[in-house]
PDB file of all heavy atoms in Angstrom:
ATOM      1  N   ILE A   1       0.873  -1.133   0.015  1.00  0.00           N
ATOM      2  CA  ILE A   1       0.018  -0.013   0.023  1.00  0.00           C
ATOM      3  C   ILE A   1       0.822   1.218   0.038  1.00  0.00           C
ATOM      4  O   ILE A   1       0.624   2.206  -0.750  1.00  0.00           O
ATOM      5  CB  ILE A   1      -0.958  -0.050   1.210  1.00  0.00           C
ATOM      6  CG1 ILE A   1      -2.043  -1.048   0.973  1.00  0.00           C
ATOM      7  CG2 ILE A   1      -1.635   1.379   1.411  1.00  0.00           C
ATOM      8  CD1 ILE A   1      -2.923  -1.307   2.248  1.00  0.00           C
ATOM      9  N   HIS A   2       1.889   1.256   0.801  1.00  0.00           N
ATOM     10  CA  HIS A   2       2.802   2.383   0.858  1.00  0.00           C
ATOM     11  C   HIS A   2       3.430   2.609  -0.503  1.00  0.00           C
ATOM     12  O   HIS A   2       3.558   3.770  -0.973  1.00  0.00           O
ATOM     13  CB  HIS A   2       3.842   2.181   1.905  1.00  0.00           C
ATOM     14  CG  HIS A   2       4.881   3.209   2.089  1.00  0.00           C
ATOM     15  ND1 HIS A   2       4.496   4.466   2.632  1.00  0.00           N
ATOM     16  CD2 HIS A   2       6.160   3.396   1.624  1.00  0.00           C
ATOM     17  CE1 HIS A   2       5.574   5.300   2.570  1.00  0.00           C
ATOM     18  NE2 HIS A   2       6.625   4.673   2.039  1.00  0.00           N
ATOM     19  N   HIS A   3       3.917   1.540  -1.150  1.00  0.00           N
ATOM     20  CA  HIS A   3       4.553   1.606  -2.485  1.00  0.00           C
ATOM     21  C   HIS A   3       3.502   2.098  -3.430  1.00  0.00           C
ATOM     22  O   HIS A   3       3.862   3.030  -4.271  1.00  0.00           O
ATOM     23  CB  HIS A   3       5.071   0.199  -2.826  1.00  0.00           C
ATOM     24  CG  HIS A   3       5.630   0.209  -4.124  1.00  0.00           C
ATOM     25  ND1 HIS A   3       6.842   0.833  -4.432  1.00  0.00           N
ATOM     26  CD2 HIS A   3       5.306  -0.377  -5.411  1.00  0.00           C
ATOM     27  CE1 HIS A   3       7.155   0.650  -5.784  1.00  0.00           C
ATOM     28  NE2 HIS A   3       6.175  -0.070  -6.310  1.00  0.00           N
ATOM     29  N   LEU A   4       2.364   1.637  -3.421  1.00  0.00           N
ATOM     30  CA  LEU A   4       1.285   2.119  -4.330  1.00  0.00           C
ATOM     31  C   LEU A   4       0.896   3.648  -4.229  1.00  0.00           C
ATOM     32  O   LEU A   4       0.694   4.399  -5.078  1.00  0.00           O
ATOM     33  CB  LEU A   4       0.006   1.319  -4.200  1.00  0.00           C
ATOM     34  CG  LEU A   4      -0.044  -0.040  -4.930  1.00  0.00           C
ATOM     35  CD1 LEU A   4      -1.267  -0.817  -4.638  1.00  0.00           C
ATOM     36  CD2 LEU A   4       0.091   0.228  -6.475  1.00  0.00           C
ATOM     37  N   ASP A   5       0.922   4.022  -2.905  1.00  0.00           N
ATOM     38  CA  ASP A   5       0.705   5.497  -2.545  1.00  0.00           C
ATOM     39  C   ASP A   5       1.789   6.246  -3.185  1.00  0.00           C
ATOM     40  O   ASP A   5       1.527   7.350  -3.808  1.00  0.00           O
ATOM     41  CB  ASP A   5       0.655   5.642  -1.115  1.00  0.00           C
ATOM     42  CG  ASP A   5      -0.654   5.274  -0.403  1.00  0.00           C
ATOM     43  OD1 ASP A   5      -1.658   5.077  -1.172  1.00  0.00           O
ATOM     44  OD2 ASP A   5      -0.662   5.089   0.846  1.00  0.00           O
ATOM     45  N   ASP A   6       2.985   5.793  -3.062  1.00  0.00           N
ATOM     46  CA  ASP A   6       4.186   6.605  -3.605  1.00  0.00           C
ATOM     47  C   ASP A   6       4.121   6.720  -5.129  1.00  0.00           C
ATOM     48  O   ASP A   6       4.205   7.800  -5.763  1.00  0.00           O
ATOM     49  CB  ASP A   6       5.475   5.950  -3.268  1.00  0.00           C
ATOM     50  CG  ASP A   6       5.824   6.211  -1.742  1.00  0.00           C
ATOM     51  OD1 ASP A   6       5.278   7.028  -1.139  1.00  0.00           O
ATOM     52  OD2 ASP A   6       6.793   5.396  -1.320  1.00  0.00           O
ATOM     53  N   MET A   7       3.704   5.569  -5.747  1.00  0.00           N
ATOM     54  CA  MET A   7       3.509   5.526  -7.212  1.00  0.00           C
ATOM     55  C   MET A   7       2.391   6.443  -7.656  1.00  0.00           C
ATOM     56  O   MET A   7       2.462   7.127  -8.659  1.00  0.00           O
ATOM     57  CB  MET A   7       3.335   4.021  -7.700  1.00  0.00           C
ATOM     58  CG  MET A   7       4.542   3.215  -7.692  1.00  0.00           C
ATOM     59  SD  MET A   7       4.256   1.531  -8.119  1.00  0.00           S
ATOM     60  CE  MET A   7       3.562   1.656  -9.762  1.00  0.00           C
ATOM     61  N   LEU A   8       1.378   6.359  -6.957  1.00  0.00           N
ATOM     62  CA  LEU A   8       0.126   7.154  -7.241  1.00  0.00           C
ATOM     63  C   LEU A   8       0.494   8.742  -7.217  1.00  0.00           C
ATOM     64  O   LEU A   8       0.077   9.426  -8.084  1.00  0.00           O
ATOM     65  CB  LEU A   8      -0.910   6.886  -6.206  1.00  0.00           C
ATOM     66  CG  LEU A   8      -2.473   7.484  -6.474  1.00  0.00           C
ATOM     67  CD1 LEU A   8      -2.932   6.927  -7.817  1.00  0.00           C
ATOM     68  CD2 LEU A   8      -3.261   7.095  -5.352  1.00  0.00           C
ATOM     69  N   LYS A   9       1.188   9.152  -6.153  1.00  0.00           N
ATOM     70  CA  LYS A   9       1.609  10.495  -6.038  1.00  0.00           C
ATOM     71  C   LYS A   9       2.616  10.923  -7.158  1.00  0.00           C
ATOM     72  O   LYS A   9       2.504  11.981  -7.744  1.00  0.00           O
ATOM     73  CB  LYS A   9       2.292  10.769  -4.679  1.00  0.00           C
ATOM     74  CG  LYS A   9       1.330  10.772  -3.469  1.00  0.00           C
ATOM     75  CD  LYS A   9       2.109  10.832  -2.143  1.00  0.00           C
ATOM     76  CE  LYS A   9       1.068  10.734  -1.006  1.00  0.00           C
ATOM     77  NZ  LYS A   9       1.695  10.708   0.282  1.00  0.00           N
ATOM     78  N   SER A  10       3.480   9.950  -7.568  1.00  0.00           N
ATOM     79  CA  SER A  10       4.305  10.226  -8.584  1.00  0.00           C
ATOM     80  C   SER A  10       3.630  10.428  -9.998  1.00  0.00           C
ATOM     81  O   SER A  10       3.940  11.427 -10.731  1.00  0.00           O
ATOM     82  CB  SER A  10       5.361   9.131  -8.748  1.00  0.00           C
ATOM     83  OG  SER A  10       6.179   9.262  -9.925  1.00  0.00           O
ATOM     84  N   GLN A  11       2.704   9.541 -10.307  1.00  0.00           N
ATOM     85  CA  GLN A  11       1.881   9.634 -11.408  1.00  0.00           C
ATOM     86  C   GLN A  11       1.032  10.931 -11.472  1.00  0.00           C
ATOM     87  O   GLN A  11       0.902  11.621 -12.427  1.00  0.00           O
ATOM     88  CB  GLN A  11       0.995   8.489 -11.555  1.00  0.00           C
ATOM     89  CG  GLN A  11       1.723   7.224 -11.825  1.00  0.00           C
ATOM     90  CD  GLN A  11       2.569   7.198 -13.102  1.00  0.00           C
ATOM     91  OE1 GLN A  11       2.158   7.777 -14.076  1.00  0.00           O
ATOM     92  NE2 GLN A  11       3.701   6.523 -13.056  1.00  0.00           N
ATOM     93  N   GLN A  12       0.510  11.334 -10.273  1.00  0.00           N
ATOM     94  CA  GLN A  12      -0.232  12.599 -10.200  1.00  0.00           C
ATOM     95  C   GLN A  12       0.624  13.822 -10.505  1.00  0.00           C
ATOM     96  O   GLN A  12       0.273  14.732 -11.192  1.00  0.00           O
ATOM     97  CB  GLN A  12      -0.918  12.708  -8.843  1.00  0.00           C
ATOM     98  CG  GLN A  12      -2.101  11.795  -8.656  1.00  0.00           C
ATOM     99  CD  GLN A  12      -2.626  11.803  -7.249  1.00  0.00           C
ATOM    100  OE1 GLN A  12      -1.915  12.160  -6.256  1.00  0.00           O
ATOM    101  NE2 GLN A  12      -3.795  11.261  -7.084  1.00  0.00           N
ATOM    102  N   ARG A  13       1.902  13.704 -10.037  1.00  0.00           N
ATOM    103  CA  ARG A  13       2.868  14.861 -10.353  1.00  0.00           C
ATOM    104  C   ARG A  13       3.102  14.893 -11.786  1.00  0.00           C
ATOM    105  O   ARG A  13       3.109  16.023 -12.411  1.00  0.00           O
ATOM    106  CB  ARG A  13       4.099  14.620  -9.497  1.00  0.00           C
ATOM    107  CG  ARG A  13       4.070  15.286  -8.141  1.00  0.00           C
ATOM    108  CD  ARG A  13       5.563  15.228  -7.576  1.00  0.00           C
ATOM    109  NE  ARG A  13       6.178  13.918  -7.502  1.00  0.00           N
ATOM    110  CZ  ARG A  13       6.117  13.103  -6.462  1.00  0.00           C
ATOM    111  NH1 ARG A  13       5.365  13.426  -5.361  1.00  0.00           N
ATOM    112  NH2 ARG A  13       6.809  11.914  -6.534  1.00  0.00           N
ATOM    113  N   LYS A  14       3.342  13.751 -12.425  1.00  0.00           N
ATOM    114  CA  LYS A  14       3.610  13.735 -13.801  1.00  0.00           C
ATOM    115  C   LYS A  14       2.442  14.200 -14.680  1.00  0.00           C
ATOM    116  O   LYS A  14       2.640  15.032 -15.634  1.00  0.00           O
ATOM    117  CB  LYS A  14       3.949  12.226 -14.368  1.00  0.00           C
ATOM    118  CG  LYS A  14       5.266  11.736 -13.944  1.00  0.00           C
ATOM    119  CD  LYS A  14       5.466  10.314 -14.389  1.00  0.00           C
ATOM    120  CE  LYS A  14       6.815   9.766 -13.944  1.00  0.00           C
ATOM    121  NZ  LYS A  14       6.953   8.381 -14.357  1.00  0.00           N
ATOM    122  N   VAL A  15       1.238  13.940 -14.248  1.00  0.00           N
ATOM    123  CA  VAL A  15       0.019  14.404 -14.969  1.00  0.00           C
ATOM    124  C   VAL A  15      -0.016  15.964 -14.849  1.00  0.00           C
ATOM    125  O   VAL A  15      -0.315  16.658 -15.745  1.00  0.00           O
ATOM    126  CB  VAL A  15      -1.283  13.751 -14.514  1.00  0.00           C
ATOM    127  CG1 VAL A  15      -2.490  14.433 -14.931  1.00  0.00           C
ATOM    128  CG2 VAL A  15      -1.259  12.290 -14.839  1.00  0.00           C
ATOM    129  N   ARG A  16       0.110  16.489 -13.665  1.00  0.00           N
ATOM    130  CA  ARG A  16       0.135  17.871 -13.421  1.00  0.00           C
ATOM    131  C   ARG A  16       1.272  18.594 -14.287  1.00  0.00           C
ATOM    132  O   ARG A  16       0.998  19.616 -14.837  1.00  0.00           O
ATOM    133  CB  ARG A  16       0.360  18.212 -11.951  1.00  0.00           C
ATOM    134  CG  ARG A  16      -0.866  18.090 -11.065  1.00  0.00           C
ATOM    135  CD  ARG A  16      -0.744  18.683  -9.780  1.00  0.00           C
ATOM    136  NE  ARG A  16       0.207  18.153  -8.870  1.00  0.00           N
ATOM    137  CZ  ARG A  16       0.111  17.146  -8.146  1.00  0.00           C
ATOM    138  NH1 ARG A  16      -1.020  16.565  -7.903  1.00  0.00           N
ATOM    139  NH2 ARG A  16       1.116  16.626  -7.366  1.00  0.00           N
ATOM    140  N   GLN A  17       2.437  18.011 -14.341  1.00  0.00           N
ATOM    141  CA  GLN A  17       3.497  18.604 -15.089  1.00  0.00           C
ATOM    142  C   GLN A  17       3.231  18.590 -16.588  1.00  0.00           C
ATOM    143  O   GLN A  17       3.452  19.595 -17.243  1.00  0.00           O
ATOM    144  CB  GLN A  17       4.780  17.834 -14.879  1.00  0.00           C
ATOM    145  CG  GLN A  17       5.414  18.100 -13.511  1.00  0.00           C
ATOM    146  CD  GLN A  17       6.658  17.093 -13.237  1.00  0.00           C
ATOM    147  OE1 GLN A  17       6.894  16.156 -14.018  1.00  0.00           O
ATOM    148  NE2 GLN A  17       7.364  17.473 -12.207  1.00  0.00           N
ATOM    149  N   MET A  18       2.535  17.501 -17.106  1.00  0.00           N
ATOM    150  CA  MET A  18       2.182  17.446 -18.481  1.00  0.00           C
ATOM    151  C   MET A  18       1.123  18.490 -18.727  1.00  0.00           C
ATOM    152  O   MET A  18       1.132  19.121 -19.822  1.00  0.00           O
ATOM    153  CB  MET A  18       1.672  16.077 -18.861  1.00  0.00           C
ATOM    154  CG  MET A  18       2.819  15.045 -18.840  1.00  0.00           C
ATOM    155  SD  MET A  18       2.211  13.386 -19.116  1.00  0.00           S
ATOM    156  CE  MET A  18       1.921  13.441 -20.848  1.00  0.00           C
ATOM    157  N   ILE A  19       0.134  18.664 -17.908  1.00  0.00           N
ATOM    158  CA  ILE A  19      -0.914  19.666 -18.114  1.00  0.00           C
ATOM    159  C   ILE A  19      -0.260  21.096 -18.167  1.00  0.00           C
ATOM    160  O   ILE A  19      -0.586  21.947 -19.018  1.00  0.00           O
ATOM    161  CB  ILE A  19      -1.997  19.611 -17.015  1.00  0.00           C
ATOM    162  CG1 ILE A  19      -2.801  18.246 -17.288  1.00  0.00           C
ATOM    163  CG2 ILE A  19      -2.913  20.758 -16.984  1.00  0.00           C
ATOM    164  CD1 ILE A  19      -3.754  17.875 -16.197  1.00  0.00           C
ATOM    165  N   GLU A  20       0.658  21.262 -17.237  1.00  0.00           N
ATOM    166  CA  GLU A  20       1.288  22.579 -17.172  1.00  0.00           C
ATOM    167  C   GLU A  20       2.106  22.878 -18.458  1.00  0.00           C
ATOM    168  O   GLU A  20       2.186  23.968 -18.994  1.00  0.00           O
ATOM    169  CB  GLU A  20       2.244  22.590 -15.970  1.00  0.00           C
ATOM    170  CG  GLU A  20       2.929  23.984 -15.681  1.00  0.00           C
ATOM    171  CD  GLU A  20       3.785  24.026 -14.423  1.00  0.00           C
ATOM    172  OE1 GLU A  20       3.185  23.542 -13.415  1.00  0.00           O
ATOM    173  OE2 GLU A  20       4.857  24.364 -14.487  1.00  0.00           O
ATOM    174  N   GLN A  21       2.782  21.802 -18.925  1.00  0.00           N
ATOM    175  CA  GLN A  21       3.532  21.946 -20.231  1.00  0.00           C
ATOM    176  C   GLN A  21       2.591  22.296 -21.378  1.00  0.00           C
ATOM    177  O   GLN A  21       2.867  23.109 -22.219  1.00  0.00           O
ATOM    178  CB  GLN A  21       4.427  20.675 -20.508  1.00  0.00           C
ATOM    179  CG  GLN A  21       5.534  20.443 -19.611  1.00  0.00           C
ATOM    180  CD  GLN A  21       6.242  19.070 -19.893  1.00  0.00           C
ATOM    181  OE1 GLN A  21       5.679  18.345 -20.503  1.00  0.00           O
ATOM    182  NE2 GLN A  21       7.503  18.933 -19.311  1.00  0.00           N
ATOM    183  N   LEU A  22       1.501  21.626 -21.414  1.00  0.00           N
ATOM    184  CA  LEU A  22       0.530  21.886 -22.409  1.00  0.00           C
ATOM    185  C   LEU A  22      -0.021  23.315 -22.354  1.00  0.00           C
ATOM    186  O   LEU A  22      -0.082  24.032 -23.356  1.00  0.00           O
ATOM    187  CB  LEU A  22      -0.712  20.940 -22.408  1.00  0.00           C
ATOM    188  CG  LEU A  22      -0.501  19.552 -22.834  1.00  0.00           C
ATOM    189  CD1 LEU A  22      -1.763  18.729 -22.462  1.00  0.00           C
ATOM    190  CD2 LEU A  22      -0.270  19.552 -24.354  1.00  0.00           C
ATOM    191  N   GLN A  23      -0.285  23.857 -21.198  1.00  0.00           N
ATOM    192  CA  GLN A  23      -0.767  25.183 -21.032  1.00  0.00           C
ATOM    193  C   GLN A  23       0.362  26.198 -21.441  1.00  0.00           C
ATOM    194  O   GLN A  23       0.132  27.188 -22.101  1.00  0.00           O
ATOM    195  CB  GLN A  23      -1.115  25.487 -19.523  1.00  0.00           C
ATOM    196  CG  GLN A  23      -2.406  24.784 -19.192  1.00  0.00           C
ATOM    197  CD  GLN A  23      -2.791  24.807 -17.750  1.00  0.00           C
ATOM    198  OE1 GLN A  23      -1.889  25.041 -16.838  1.00  0.00           O
ATOM    199  NE2 GLN A  23      -4.011  24.533 -17.426  1.00  0.00           N
ATOM    200  N   ASN A  24       1.656  25.912 -21.078  1.00  0.00           N
ATOM    201  CA  ASN A  24       2.688  26.772 -21.512  1.00  0.00           C
ATOM    202  C   ASN A  24       2.893  26.774 -22.937  1.00  0.00           C
ATOM    203  O   ASN A  24       3.135  27.843 -23.538  1.00  0.00           O
ATOM    204  CB  ASN A  24       4.036  26.365 -20.767  1.00  0.00           C
ATOM    205  CG  ASN A  24       4.086  26.544 -19.233  1.00  0.00           C
ATOM    206  OD1 ASN A  24       3.271  27.425 -18.761  1.00  0.00           O
ATOM    207  ND2 ASN A  24       4.919  25.847 -18.620  1.00  0.00           N
ATOM    208  N   SER A  25       2.799  25.648 -23.596  1.00  0.00           N
ATOM    209  CA  SER A  25       2.903  25.534 -25.083  1.00  0.00           C
ATOM    210  C   SER A  25       1.833  26.300 -25.749  1.00  0.00           C
ATOM    211  O   SER A  25       2.027  27.090 -26.718  1.00  0.00           O
ATOM    212  CB  SER A  25       2.831  24.081 -25.560  1.00  0.00           C
ATOM    213  OG  SER A  25       3.875  23.353 -24.990  1.00  0.00           O
ATOM    214  N   LYS A  26       0.580  26.258 -25.191  1.00  0.00           N
ATOM    215  CA  LYS A  26      -0.548  27.099 -25.714  1.00  0.00           C
ATOM    216  C   LYS A  26      -0.271  28.506 -25.685  1.00  0.00           C
ATOM    217  O   LYS A  26      -0.504  29.281 -26.590  1.00  0.00           O
ATOM    218  CB  LYS A  26      -1.776  26.755 -25.064  1.00  0.00           C
ATOM    219  CG  LYS A  26      -2.326  25.355 -25.539  1.00  0.00           C
ATOM    220  CD  LYS A  26      -3.711  25.106 -24.784  1.00  0.00           C
ATOM    221  CE  LYS A  26      -4.243  23.646 -25.110  1.00  0.00           C
ATOM    222  NZ  LYS A  26      -5.470  23.378 -24.370  1.00  0.00           N
ATOM    223  N   THR A  27       0.350  28.986 -24.570  1.00  0.00           N
ATOM    224  CA  THR A  27       0.610  30.353 -24.247  1.00  0.00           C
ATOM    225  C   THR A  27       1.720  30.828 -25.269  1.00  0.00           C
ATOM    226  O   THR A  27       1.597  31.874 -25.895  1.00  0.00           O
ATOM    227  CB  THR A  27       1.067  30.656 -22.888  1.00  0.00           C
ATOM    228  OG1 THR A  27       0.072  30.161 -21.984  1.00  0.00           O
ATOM    229  CG2 THR A  27       1.381  32.057 -22.650  1.00  0.00           C
ATOM    230  N   VAL A  28       2.686  30.005 -25.519  1.00  0.00           N
ATOM    231  CA  VAL A  28       3.733  30.353 -26.399  1.00  0.00           C
ATOM    232  C   VAL A  28       3.209  30.408 -27.851  1.00  0.00           C
ATOM    233  O   VAL A  28       3.492  31.356 -28.598  1.00  0.00           O
ATOM    234  CB  VAL A  28       4.928  29.273 -26.354  1.00  0.00           C
ATOM    235  CG1 VAL A  28       5.916  29.470 -27.525  1.00  0.00           C
ATOM    236  CG2 VAL A  28       5.627  29.445 -24.996  1.00  0.00           C
ATOM    237  N   ILE A  29       2.371  29.476 -28.199  1.00  0.00           N
ATOM    238  CA  ILE A  29       1.754  29.488 -29.591  1.00  0.00           C
ATOM    239  C   ILE A  29       0.973  30.754 -29.823  1.00  0.00           C
ATOM    240  O   ILE A  29       1.041  31.392 -30.813  1.00  0.00           O
ATOM    241  CB  ILE A  29       0.950  28.226 -29.876  1.00  0.00           C
ATOM    242  CG1 ILE A  29       1.852  26.990 -29.952  1.00  0.00           C
ATOM    243  CG2 ILE A  29       0.070  28.335 -31.046  1.00  0.00           C
ATOM    244  CD1 ILE A  29       1.250  25.662 -29.936  1.00  0.00           C
ATOM    245  N   GLN A  30       0.161  31.113 -28.799  1.00  0.00           N
ATOM    246  CA  GLN A  30      -0.596  32.345 -28.935  1.00  0.00           C
ATOM    247  C   GLN A  30       0.232  33.587 -29.066  1.00  0.00           C
ATOM    248  O   GLN A  30      -0.138  34.425 -29.832  1.00  0.00           O
ATOM    249  CB  GLN A  30      -1.574  32.467 -27.710  1.00  0.00           C
ATOM    250  CG  GLN A  30      -2.757  31.493 -27.645  1.00  0.00           C
ATOM    251  CD  GLN A  30      -3.451  31.513 -26.337  1.00  0.00           C
ATOM    252  OE1 GLN A  30      -3.075  32.129 -25.403  1.00  0.00           O
ATOM    253  NE2 GLN A  30      -4.611  30.821 -26.304  1.00  0.00           N
ATOM    254  N   ALA A  31       1.277  33.601 -28.289  1.00  0.00           N
ATOM    255  CA  ALA A  31       2.205  34.774 -28.427  1.00  0.00           C
ATOM    256  C   ALA A  31       2.876  34.860 -29.805  1.00  0.00           C
ATOM    257  O   ALA A  31       2.902  35.855 -30.425  1.00  0.00           O
ATOM    258  CB  ALA A  31       3.321  34.767 -27.291  1.00  0.00           C
ATOM    259  N   LYS A  32       3.233  33.666 -30.304  1.00  0.00           N
ATOM    260  CA  LYS A  32       3.827  33.654 -31.735  1.00  0.00           C
ATOM    261  C   LYS A  32       2.835  33.989 -32.739  1.00  0.00           C
ATOM    262  O   LYS A  32       3.138  34.687 -33.651  1.00  0.00           O
ATOM    263  CB  LYS A  32       4.566  32.289 -31.960  1.00  0.00           C
ATOM    264  CG  LYS A  32       5.806  32.015 -31.164  1.00  0.00           C
ATOM    265  CD  LYS A  32       6.450  30.813 -31.468  1.00  0.00           C
ATOM    266  CE  LYS A  32       7.781  30.677 -30.553  1.00  0.00           C
ATOM    267  NZ  LYS A  32       8.607  29.582 -30.893  1.00  0.00           N
ATOM    268  N   ASP A  33       1.536  33.550 -32.546  1.00  0.00           N
ATOM    269  CA  ASP A  33       0.540  33.885 -33.504  1.00  0.00           C
ATOM    270  C   ASP A  33       0.305  35.402 -33.526  1.00  0.00           C
ATOM    271  O   ASP A  33       0.088  36.013 -34.619  1.00  0.00           O
ATOM    272  CB  ASP A  33      -0.811  33.188 -33.141  1.00  0.00           C
ATOM    273  CG  ASP A  33      -0.884  31.714 -33.549  1.00  0.00           C
ATOM    274  OD1 ASP A  33       0.100  31.351 -34.352  1.00  0.00           O
ATOM    275  OD2 ASP A  33      -1.712  30.987 -33.035  1.00  0.00           O
ATOM    276  N   ALA A  34       0.404  36.012 -32.338  1.00  0.00           N
ATOM    277  CA  ALA A  34       0.184  37.469 -32.316  1.00  0.00           C
ATOM    278  C   ALA A  34       1.308  38.189 -32.993  1.00  0.00           C
ATOM    279  O   ALA A  34       1.130  39.156 -33.703  1.00  0.00           O
ATOM    280  CB  ALA A  34       0.110  37.989 -30.841  1.00  0.00           C
ATOM    281  N   VAL A  35       2.554  37.715 -32.847  1.00  0.00           N
ATOM    282  CA  VAL A  35       3.713  38.259 -33.499  1.00  0.00           C
ATOM    283  C   VAL A  35       3.561  38.077 -34.958  1.00  0.00           C
ATOM    284  O   VAL A  35       3.815  39.075 -35.826  1.00  0.00           O
ATOM    285  CB  VAL A  35       5.016  37.595 -32.974  1.00  0.00           C
ATOM    286  CG1 VAL A  35       6.169  38.091 -33.873  1.00  0.00           C
ATOM    287  CG2 VAL A  35       5.318  38.059 -31.572  1.00  0.00           C
ATOM    288  N   ILE A  36       3.189  36.953 -35.447  1.00  0.00           N
ATOM    289  CA  ILE A  36       2.959  36.678 -36.871  1.00  0.00           C
ATOM    290  C   ILE A  36       1.948  37.577 -37.461  1.00  0.00           C
ATOM    291  O   ILE A  36       2.191  38.180 -38.573  1.00  0.00           O
ATOM    292  CB  ILE A  36       2.510  35.194 -37.085  1.00  0.00           C
ATOM    293  CG1 ILE A  36       3.753  34.276 -36.841  1.00  0.00           C
ATOM    294  CG2 ILE A  36       2.063  35.016 -38.508  1.00  0.00           C
ATOM    295  CD1 ILE A  36       3.409  32.797 -36.827  1.00  0.00           C
TER     296      ILE A  36
END
């Protein structure tokens, strides 16, 4: 159970990081579109 809890927390961190990266990419794309 302890091991699964650690894995669960790690996967949740990865999901949050991926969502943050997607949001950052969208922001960069919008900025580049405005410059274009």
